[in-house]
C-alpha atoms as a PDB file:
ATOM      1  CA  UNK A   1      20.689  88.989  90.217  1.00  0.00           C
ATOM      2  CA  UNK A   2      19.123  85.958  88.519  1.00  0.00           C
ATOM      3  CA  UNK A   3      19.978  87.335  85.077  1.00  0.00           C
ATOM      4  CA  UNK A   4      23.599  87.886  86.041  1.00  0.00           C
ATOM      5  CA  UNK A   5      23.898  84.398  87.504  1.00  0.00           C
ATOM      6  CA  UNK A   6      22.284  82.889  84.405  1.00  0.00           C
ATOM      7  CA  UNK A   7      24.636  84.857  82.135  1.00  0.00           C
ATOM      8  CA  UNK A   8      27.663  83.625  84.109  1.00  0.00           C
ATOM      9  CA  UNK A   9      26.489  80.012  83.941  1.00  0.00           C
ATOM     10  CA  UNK A  10      25.872  80.257  80.185  1.00  0.00           C
ATOM     11  CA  UNK A  11      29.295  81.850  79.650  1.00  0.00           C
ATOM     12  CA  UNK A  12      31.028  79.138  81.699  1.00  0.00           C
ATOM     13  CA  UNK A  13      29.184  76.441  79.791  1.00  0.00           C
ATOM     14  CA  UNK A  14      30.219  77.998  76.466  1.00  0.00           C
ATOM     15  CA  UNK A  15      33.840  78.283  77.594  1.00  0.00           C
ATOM     16  CA  UNK A  16      33.808  74.673  78.763  1.00  0.00           C
ATOM     17  CA  UNK A  17      32.500  73.491  75.415  1.00  0.00           C
ATOM     18  CA  UNK A  18      35.056  75.611  73.561  1.00  0.00           C
ATOM     19  CA  UNK A  19      37.892  74.310  75.749  1.00  0.00           C
ATOM     20  CA  UNK A  20      36.839  70.707  75.236  1.00  0.00           C
ATOM     21  CA  UNK A  21      36.683  71.206  71.499  1.00  0.00           C
ATOM     22  CA  UNK A  22      40.005  73.052  71.236  1.00  0.00           C
ATOM     23  CA  UNK A  23      41.880  70.506  73.380  1.00  0.00           C
ATOM     24  CA  UNK A  24      41.008  67.689  71.045  1.00  0.00           C
ATOM     25  CA  UNK A  25      43.884  66.523  68.885  1.00  0.00           C
ATOM     26  CA  UNK A  26      41.497  64.663  66.625  1.00  0.00           C
ATOM     27  CA  UNK A  27      40.581  66.221  63.316  1.00  0.00           C
ATOM     28  CA  UNK A  28      37.748  64.335  61.671  1.00  0.00           C
ATOM     29  CA  UNK A  29      37.884  63.825  57.941  1.00  0.00           C
ATOM     30  CA  UNK A  30      34.972  64.823  55.766  1.00  0.00           C
ATOM     31  CA  UNK A  31      33.098  61.613  56.582  1.00  0.00           C
ATOM     32  CA  UNK A  32      33.639  61.950  60.340  1.00  0.00           C
ATOM     33  CA  UNK A  33      36.298  59.213  60.613  1.00  0.00           C
ATOM     34  CA  UNK A  34      39.852  59.790  61.787  1.00  0.00           C
ATOM     35  CA  UNK A  35      42.509  60.162  59.124  1.00  0.00           C
ATOM     36  CA  UNK A  36      45.093  57.419  58.679  1.00  0.00           C
ATOM     37  CA  UNK A  37      47.790  59.503  60.441  1.00  0.00           C
ATOM     38  CA  UNK A  38      45.579  60.148  63.458  1.00  0.00           C
ATOM     39  CA  UNK A  39      44.530  56.514  63.712  1.00  0.00           C
ATOM     40  CA  UNK A  40      48.193  55.501  63.775  1.00  0.00           C
ATOM     41  CA  UNK A  41      49.039  58.159  66.395  1.00  0.00           C
ATOM     42  CA  UNK A  42      51.249  60.026  63.928  1.00  0.00           C
ATOM     43  CA  UNK A  43      51.787  63.760  63.685  1.00  0.00           C
ATOM     44  CA  UNK A  44      49.355  65.879  61.648  1.00  0.00           C
ATOM     45  CA  UNK A  45      50.232  67.291  58.190  1.00  0.00           C
ATOM     46  CA  UNK A  46      52.972  69.943  57.908  1.00  0.00           C
ATOM     47  CA  UNK A  47      50.909  73.154  58.024  1.00  0.00           C
ATOM     48  CA  UNK A  48      48.704  71.952  60.849  1.00  0.00           C
ATOM     49  CA  UNK A  49      51.795  70.634  62.592  1.00  0.00           C
ATOM     50  CA  UNK A  50      53.503  74.039  62.475  1.00  0.00           C
ATOM     51  CA  UNK A  51      50.513  75.701  64.067  1.00  0.00           C
ATOM     52  CA  UNK A  52      50.274  72.920  66.692  1.00  0.00           C
ATOM     53  CA  UNK A  53      54.010  73.231  67.397  1.00  0.00           C
ATOM     54  CA  UNK A  54      53.754  76.992  67.928  1.00  0.00           C
ATOM     55  CA  UNK A  55      50.689  76.608  70.134  1.00  0.00           C
ATOM     56  CA  UNK A  56      52.277  73.743  72.099  1.00  0.00           C
ATOM     57  CA  UNK A  57      55.398  75.807  72.820  1.00  0.00           C
ATOM     58  CA  UNK A  58      53.319  78.776  74.017  1.00  0.00           C
ATOM     59  CA  UNK A  59      51.121  76.615  76.237  1.00  0.00           C
ATOM     60  CA  UNK A  60      54.158  74.830  77.693  1.00  0.00           C
ATOM     61  CA  UNK A  61      55.917  78.059  78.600  1.00  0.00           C
ATOM     62  CA  UNK A  62      52.690  79.499  79.989  1.00  0.00           C
ATOM     63  CA  UNK A  63      52.375  76.462  82.305  1.00  0.00           C
ATOM     64  CA  UNK A  64      55.873  77.211  83.627  1.00  0.00           C
ATOM     65  CA  UNK A  65      54.902  80.839  84.178  1.00  0.00           C
ATOM     66  CA  UNK A  66      51.737  79.744  85.989  1.00  0.00           C
ATOM     67  CA  UNK A  67      53.621  77.343  88.269  1.00  0.00           C
ATOM     68  CA  UNK A  68      56.565  79.577  89.121  1.00  0.00           C
ATOM     69  CA  UNK A  69      55.623  83.170  88.350  1.00  0.00           C
ATOM     70  CA  UNK A  70      52.052  83.993  89.262  1.00  0.00           C
ATOM     71  CA  UNK A  71      51.726  83.158  92.949  1.00  0.00           C
ATOM     72  CA  UNK A  72      53.477  85.494  95.355  1.00  0.00           C
ATOM     73  CA  UNK A  73      53.701  86.226  99.036  1.00  0.00           C
ATOM     74  CA  UNK A  74      52.234  89.501 100.319  1.00  0.00           C
ATOM     75  CA  UNK A  75      55.604  91.205  99.814  1.00  0.00           C
ATOM     76  CA  UNK A  76      55.722  90.122  96.146  1.00  0.00           C
ATOM     77  CA  UNK A  77      58.189  87.264  96.570  1.00  0.00           C
ATOM     78  CA  UNK A  78      57.380  84.558  93.983  1.00  0.00           C
ATOM     79  CA  UNK A  79      56.428  81.116  95.271  1.00  0.00           C
ATOM     80  CA  UNK A  80      55.556  77.757  93.776  1.00  0.00           C
ATOM     81  CA  UNK A  81      51.882  77.636  92.869  1.00  0.00           C
ATOM     82  CA  UNK A  82      50.233  76.663  96.169  1.00  0.00           C
ATOM     83  CA  UNK A  83      47.696  74.408  94.454  1.00  0.00           C
ATOM     84  CA  UNK A  84      50.518  72.343  92.954  1.00  0.00           C
ATOM     85  CA  UNK A  85      52.446  72.514  96.197  1.00  0.00           C
ATOM     86  CA  UNK A  86      55.441  70.236  95.628  1.00  0.00           C
ATOM     87  CA  UNK A  87      58.319  69.869  93.186  1.00  0.00           C
ATOM     88  CA  UNK A  88      57.176  66.324  92.362  1.00  0.00           C
ATOM     89  CA  UNK A  89      53.679  67.517  91.435  1.00  0.00           C
ATOM     90  CA  UNK A  90      55.182  70.343  89.377  1.00  0.00           C
ATOM     91  CA  UNK A  91      57.337  67.828  87.454  1.00  0.00           C
ATOM     92  CA  UNK A  92      54.321  65.618  86.896  1.00  0.00           C
ATOM     93  CA  UNK A  93      52.287  68.529  85.544  1.00  0.00           C
ATOM     94  CA  UNK A  94      55.095  69.770  83.309  1.00  0.00           C
ATOM     95  CA  UNK A  95      55.617  66.241  81.909  1.00  0.00           C
ATOM     96  CA  UNK A  96      52.371  66.822  79.980  1.00  0.00           C
ATOM     97  CA  UNK A  97      54.087  69.623  78.030  1.00  0.00           C
ATOM     98  CA  UNK A  98      57.814  68.897  78.240  1.00  0.00           C
ATOM     99  CA  UNK A  99      60.114  65.933  77.887  1.00  0.00           C
ATOM    100  CA  UNK A 100      60.581  64.561  81.440  1.00  0.00           C
ATOM    101  CA  UNK A 101      64.297  65.463  81.464  1.00  0.00           C
ATOM    102  CA  UNK A 102      63.537  69.065  80.501  1.00  0.00           C
ATOM    103  CA  UNK A 103      60.672  69.231  83.008  1.00  0.00           C
ATOM    104  CA  UNK A 104      63.141  68.133  85.696  1.00  0.00           C
ATOM    105  CA  UNK A 105      65.637  70.782  84.559  1.00  0.00           C
ATOM    106  CA  UNK A 106      62.948  73.497  84.735  1.00  0.00           C
ATOM    107  CA  UNK A 107      61.804  72.459  88.212  1.00  0.00           C
ATOM    108  CA  UNK A 108      65.410  72.297  89.408  1.00  0.00           C
ATOM    109  CA  UNK A 109      65.973  75.822  88.050  1.00  0.00           C
ATOM    110  CA  UNK A 110      63.011  77.302  89.909  1.00  0.00           C
ATOM    111  CA  UNK A 111      62.645  75.377  93.169  1.00  0.00           C
ATOM    112  CA  UNK A 112      64.779  76.605  96.040  1.00  0.00           C
ATOM    113  CA  UNK A 113      65.291  75.130  99.468  1.00  0.00           C
ATOM    114  CA  UNK A 114      63.897  78.327 101.015  1.00  0.00           C
ATOM    115  CA  UNK A 115      60.421  78.359 102.517  1.00  0.00           C
ATOM    116  CA  UNK A 116      58.081  80.915 103.963  1.00  0.00           C
ATOM    117  CA  UNK A 117      55.657  78.988 106.124  1.00  0.00           C
ATOM    118  CA  UNK A 118      54.268  76.267 103.855  1.00  0.00           C
ATOM    119  CA  UNK A 119      55.205  78.116 100.646  1.00  0.00           C
ATOM    120  CA  UNK A 120      58.268  77.204  98.599  1.00  0.00           C
ATOM    121  CA  UNK A 121      60.162  80.240  97.337  1.00  0.00           C
ATOM    122  CA  UNK A 122      61.215  80.089  93.690  1.00  0.00           C
ATOM    123  CA  UNK A 123      64.093  81.482  91.674  1.00  0.00           C
ATOM    124  CA  UNK A 124      63.096  84.837  90.142  1.00  0.00           C
ATOM    125  CA  UNK A 125      65.412  84.413  87.146  1.00  0.00           C
ATOM    126  CA  UNK A 126      63.297  83.110  84.237  1.00  0.00           C
ATOM    127  CA  UNK A 127      64.226  79.763  82.687  1.00  0.00           C
ATOM    128  CA  UNK A 128      63.110  81.036  79.281  1.00  0.00           C
ATOM    129  CA  UNK A 129      65.475  83.960  78.707  1.00  0.00           C
ATOM    130  CA  UNK A 130      63.825  84.566  75.316  1.00  0.00           C
ATOM    131  CA  UNK A 131      60.103  84.004  75.633  1.00  0.00           C
ATOM    132  CA  UNK A 132      57.648  82.792  73.012  1.00  0.00           C
ATOM    133  CA  UNK A 133      54.879  84.303  75.138  1.00  0.00           C
ATOM    134  CA  UNK A 134      55.844  87.726  73.767  1.00  0.00           C
ATOM    135  CA  UNK A 135      54.653  86.655  70.295  1.00  0.00           C
ATOM    136  CA  UNK A 136      51.098  86.955  69.076  1.00  0.00           C
ATOM    137  CA  UNK A 137      51.140  84.550  66.110  1.00  0.00           C
ATOM    138  CA  UNK A 138      53.127  81.816  64.412  1.00  0.00           C
ATOM    139  CA  UNK A 139      54.183  84.346  61.754  1.00  0.00           C
ATOM    140  CA  UNK A 140      56.391  86.051  64.348  1.00  0.00           C
ATOM    141  CA  UNK A 141      58.613  82.985  64.786  1.00  0.00           C
ATOM    142  CA  UNK A 142      60.616  80.767  62.481  1.00  0.00           C
ATOM    143  CA  UNK A 143      59.383  77.165  62.437  1.00  0.00           C
ATOM    144  CA  UNK A 144      61.511  74.505  60.761  1.00  0.00           C
ATOM    145  CA  UNK A 145      61.416  70.748  60.709  1.00  0.00           C
ATOM    146  CA  UNK A 146      59.430  67.732  59.684  1.00  0.00           C
ATOM    147  CA  UNK A 147      56.273  66.022  60.928  1.00  0.00           C
ATOM    148  CA  UNK A 148      57.769  64.597  64.091  1.00  0.00           C
ATOM    149  CA  UNK A 149      60.424  67.171  65.105  1.00  0.00           C
ATOM    150  CA  UNK A 150      60.384  70.949  64.782  1.00  0.00           C
ATOM    151  CA  UNK A 151      62.391  73.901  66.028  1.00  0.00           C
ATOM    152  CA  UNK A 152      60.737  77.205  66.817  1.00  0.00           C
ATOM    153  CA  UNK A 153      63.040  80.224  66.910  1.00  0.00           C
ATOM    154  CA  UNK A 154      61.849  83.523  68.343  1.00  0.00           C
ATOM    155  CA  UNK A 155      63.109  86.905  67.123  1.00  0.00           C
ATOM    156  CA  UNK A 156      65.070  87.360  70.368  1.00  0.00           C
ATOM    157  CA  UNK A 157      66.926  84.047  69.973  1.00  0.00           C
ATOM    158  CA  UNK A 158      64.906  81.512  71.928  1.00  0.00           C
ATOM    159  CA  UNK A 159      65.059  78.077  70.286  1.00  0.00           C
ATOM    160  CA  UNK A 160      62.455  75.494  71.281  1.00  0.00           C
ATOM    161  CA  UNK A 161      62.673  71.950  69.949  1.00  0.00           C
ATOM    162  CA  UNK A 162      59.414  70.006  69.922  1.00  0.00           C
ATOM    163  CA  UNK A 163      58.896  66.332  69.134  1.00  0.00           C
ATOM    164  CA  UNK A 164      55.683  64.464  68.441  1.00  0.00           C
ATOM    165  CA  UNK A 165      54.770  62.112  71.290  1.00  0.00           C
ATOM    166  CA  UNK A 166      52.495  59.460  69.788  1.00  0.00           C
ATOM    167  CA  UNK A 167      51.463  58.118  73.199  1.00  0.00           C
ATOM    168  CA  UNK A 168      50.102  61.569  74.174  1.00  0.00           C
ATOM    169  CA  UNK A 169      49.111  62.542  70.623  1.00  0.00           C
ATOM    170  CA  UNK A 170      50.779  65.940  70.912  1.00  0.00           C
ATOM    171  CA  UNK A 171      54.065  67.798  70.629  1.00  0.00           C
ATOM    172  CA  UNK A 172      56.293  68.039  73.693  1.00  0.00           C
ATOM    173  CA  UNK A 173      59.082  70.565  74.177  1.00  0.00           C
ATOM    174  CA  UNK A 174      62.235  68.465  74.313  1.00  0.00           C
ATOM    175  CA  UNK A 175      64.833  71.225  74.549  1.00  0.00           C
ATOM    176  CA  UNK A 176      65.236  74.974  74.903  1.00  0.00           C
ATOM    177  CA  UNK A 177      68.230  77.225  74.408  1.00  0.00           C
ATOM    178  CA  UNK A 178      68.947  80.929  74.067  1.00  0.00           C
ATOM    179  CA  UNK A 179      71.184  81.825  71.108  1.00  0.00           C
END
C-alpha cells in the first residue's frame, strides 16, 4: 500500500513539473536570457509559431469539449461542466483560449435555458463541425500566415484563425468556420 501511494505521489509530482514546464511560453536562449522577441511580448519565430498555433487550436477546442461535452446527466444528456457552473464562468475560462467575441459565440451556441435541477443542459450539436481534435500532428493540417496571425485548415474543412495576444503571450483563436 505504501509503495503504491509513493508511486502515485511521485507520478503526480512528475506530471506537475512537466505541466509547469510545458505551459511556459518562455524559451530561454543559449545563455539563459529571453530572446528579444519574447522580451517585447512578440510572437515566436515562424516554425515554433506554427507548432504553437496548432497546439493552441487543439487546446482551445478541447476546453470547449470539456466544458460542454464531457459532463452528462445519468440518462446521458450533456450538461455544462458542473465545476464551471455558469455561462459567465464558461466565457471567462474560454477567454483564455479564444477572442472574447468568439468565446461569447461559443457559449451562446451551447448554453440553453433548460435545466435539470441545478444543471444547465447544453446544445448537443457541436460548434466545431470540423474538428482539429481528430488530428494527431501539425503535419495533418495546413498552417498559413505570419508571426502574429495564422490560419489552420483541417482536412475536413475546418478553418481556425489564431492571432498572437501579446498581453497573454500566446495565440488565441479569433475565428472559426467550416468550408
